Amino acid sequence: MDNKVIQVILCFFIPPLAVYLKKGGIDNDFWINVVLTLLGGLPGLLHGLYVVLK
């Protein structure tokens, strides 16, 4: 998925989904984002934005 606007919006609501769509599957970045999201939300959001905008 290449539409960055939709991916950035998804980062604010469901960061792991945005990372999953950016990478095209489940990989290490996805699992890191799931753990960070479960640890408080903001770390997952920041990591998701980093992966999507990288």
N, C-alpha and C. Protein backbone atom coordinates (compact mmCIF):
# COMPACT_ATOMS: atom_id res chain seq x y z
N MET A 1 0.85 -1.18 0.00
CA MET A 1 0.00 0.00 0.00
C MET A 1 0.89 1.23 0.00
N ASP A 2 0.68 2.14 -0.93
CA ASP A 2 1.57 3.28 -1.08
C ASP A 2 0.96 4.61 -0.69
N ASN A 3 -0.30 4.64 -0.28
CA ASN A 3 -0.93 5.91 0.07
C ASN A 3 -0.50 6.31 1.48
N LYS A 4 0.48 7.20 1.57
CA LYS A 4 1.06 7.58 2.86
C LYS A 4 0.06 8.32 3.75
N VAL A 5 -0.86 9.06 3.16
CA VAL A 5 -1.83 9.81 3.97
C VAL A 5 -2.68 8.84 4.78
N ILE A 6 -3.17 7.79 4.15
CA ILE A 6 -3.98 6.79 4.84
C ILE A 6 -3.15 6.07 5.88
N GLN A 7 -1.91 5.75 5.57
CA GLN A 7 -1.05 5.06 6.52
C GLN A 7 -0.76 5.93 7.74
N VAL A 8 -0.54 7.21 7.55
CA VAL A 8 -0.27 8.11 8.68
C VAL A 8 -1.52 8.22 9.56
N ILE A 9 -2.70 8.32 8.93
CA ILE A 9 -3.94 8.38 9.71
C ILE A 9 -4.12 7.08 10.49
N LEU A 10 -3.83 5.93 9.88
CA LEU A 10 -3.93 4.66 10.57
C LEU A 10 -2.96 4.58 11.74
N CYS A 11 -1.80 5.22 11.62
CA CYS A 11 -0.82 5.22 12.72
C CYS A 11 -1.40 5.82 13.99
N PHE A 12 -2.29 6.80 13.83
CA PHE A 12 -2.86 7.44 15.02
C PHE A 12 -3.91 6.57 15.69
N PHE A 13 -4.53 5.65 14.95
CA PHE A 13 -5.60 4.84 15.52
C PHE A 13 -5.18 3.39 15.77
N ILE A 14 -4.51 2.78 14.79
CA ILE A 14 -4.08 1.38 14.89
C ILE A 14 -2.67 1.26 14.31
N PRO A 15 -1.64 1.61 15.11
CA PRO A 15 -0.27 1.60 14.58
C PRO A 15 0.19 0.26 14.00
N PRO A 16 -0.11 -0.89 14.63
CA PRO A 16 0.36 -2.14 14.03
C PRO A 16 -0.23 -2.41 12.64
N LEU A 17 -1.47 -1.99 12.42
CA LEU A 17 -2.08 -2.17 11.10
C LEU A 17 -1.36 -1.33 10.05
N ALA A 18 -0.99 -0.12 10.40
CA ALA A 18 -0.26 0.74 9.47
C ALA A 18 1.10 0.12 9.11
N VAL A 19 1.79 -0.42 10.11
CA VAL A 19 3.09 -1.07 9.86
C VAL A 19 2.90 -2.31 9.00
N TYR A 20 1.87 -3.08 9.30
CA TYR A 20 1.57 -4.29 8.52
C TYR A 20 1.32 -3.95 7.05
N LEU A 21 0.52 -2.92 6.80
CA LEU A 21 0.21 -2.54 5.42
C LEU A 21 1.45 -1.97 4.72
N LYS A 22 2.28 -1.24 5.44
CA LYS A 22 3.49 -0.67 4.84
C LYS A 22 4.47 -1.77 4.44
N LYS A 23 4.67 -2.74 5.33
CA LYS A 23 5.64 -3.80 5.08
C LYS A 23 5.09 -4.91 4.19
N GLY A 24 3.77 -5.02 4.10
CA GLY A 24 3.17 -6.05 3.27
C GLY A 24 3.09 -7.41 3.94
N GLY A 25 3.29 -7.45 5.22
CA GLY A 25 3.22 -8.72 5.94
C GLY A 25 3.73 -8.57 7.35
N ILE A 26 3.78 -9.70 8.04
CA ILE A 26 4.24 -9.70 9.42
C ILE A 26 5.75 -9.92 9.44
N ASP A 27 6.47 -8.97 10.03
CA ASP A 27 7.91 -9.09 10.17
C ASP A 27 8.32 -8.53 11.53
N ASN A 28 9.60 -8.32 11.73
CA ASN A 28 10.09 -7.84 13.03
C ASN A 28 9.53 -6.47 13.39
N ASP A 29 9.43 -5.57 12.39
CA ASP A 29 8.89 -4.23 12.67
C ASP A 29 7.46 -4.31 13.17
N PHE A 30 6.67 -5.23 12.63
CA PHE A 30 5.29 -5.40 13.08
C PHE A 30 5.25 -5.81 14.54
N TRP A 31 6.05 -6.81 14.91
CA TRP A 31 6.03 -7.30 16.30
C TRP A 31 6.56 -6.26 17.27
N ILE A 32 7.59 -5.52 16.85
CA ILE A 32 8.11 -4.45 17.70
C ILE A 32 7.01 -3.42 17.93
N ASN A 33 6.27 -3.10 16.89
CA ASN A 33 5.21 -2.11 17.02
C ASN A 33 4.08 -2.62 17.91
N VAL A 34 3.74 -3.89 17.82
CA VAL A 34 2.70 -4.45 18.69
C VAL A 34 3.11 -4.32 20.14
N VAL A 35 4.35 -4.68 20.45
CA VAL A 35 4.83 -4.60 21.84
C VAL A 35 4.84 -3.15 22.31
N LEU A 36 5.34 -2.24 21.48
CA LEU A 36 5.40 -0.83 21.87
C LEU A 36 4.00 -0.25 22.06
N THR A 37 3.05 -0.66 21.22
CA THR A 37 1.68 -0.18 21.36
C THR A 37 1.07 -0.68 22.66
N LEU A 38 1.34 -1.93 23.02
CA LEU A 38 0.81 -2.48 24.26
C LEU A 38 1.45 -1.83 25.49
N LEU A 39 2.64 -1.28 25.33
CA LEU A 39 3.33 -0.64 26.46
C LEU A 39 2.85 0.78 26.73
N GLY A 40 1.95 1.28 25.91
CA GLY A 40 1.45 2.60 26.25
C GLY A 40 0.83 3.38 25.12
N GLY A 41 0.96 2.94 23.92
CA GLY A 41 0.33 3.65 22.82
C GLY A 41 1.25 4.64 22.13
N LEU A 42 1.77 5.60 22.88
CA LEU A 42 2.62 6.63 22.27
C LEU A 42 3.90 6.04 21.65
N PRO A 43 4.59 5.12 22.32
CA PRO A 43 5.77 4.52 21.66
C PRO A 43 5.40 3.80 20.36
N GLY A 44 4.26 3.12 20.35
CA GLY A 44 3.81 2.44 19.13
C GLY A 44 3.48 3.43 18.03
N LEU A 45 2.86 4.54 18.41
CA LEU A 45 2.53 5.59 17.43
C LEU A 45 3.81 6.15 16.81
N LEU A 46 4.78 6.46 17.65
CA LEU A 46 6.04 7.03 17.13
C LEU A 46 6.78 6.04 16.25
N HIS A 47 6.82 4.79 16.66
CA HIS A 47 7.49 3.78 15.84
C HIS A 47 6.74 3.58 14.52
N GLY A 48 5.42 3.56 14.58
CA GLY A 48 4.62 3.42 13.37
C GLY A 48 4.86 4.55 12.39
N LEU A 49 4.91 5.78 12.91
CA LEU A 49 5.19 6.92 12.03
C LEU A 49 6.59 6.82 11.44
N TYR A 50 7.55 6.37 12.24
CA TYR A 50 8.91 6.20 11.74
C TYR A 50 8.95 5.19 10.59
N VAL A 51 8.27 4.04 10.75
CA VAL A 51 8.29 3.01 9.72
C VAL A 51 7.57 3.50 8.46
N VAL A 52 6.42 4.14 8.63
CA VAL A 52 5.63 4.58 7.48
C VAL A 52 6.34 5.68 6.71
N LEU A 53 6.95 6.61 7.41
CA LEU A 53 7.58 7.75 6.75
C LEU A 53 9.02 7.51 6.33
N LYS A 54 9.59 6.40 6.73
CA LYS A 54 10.99 6.07 6.41
C LYS A 54 11.16 5.79 4.95
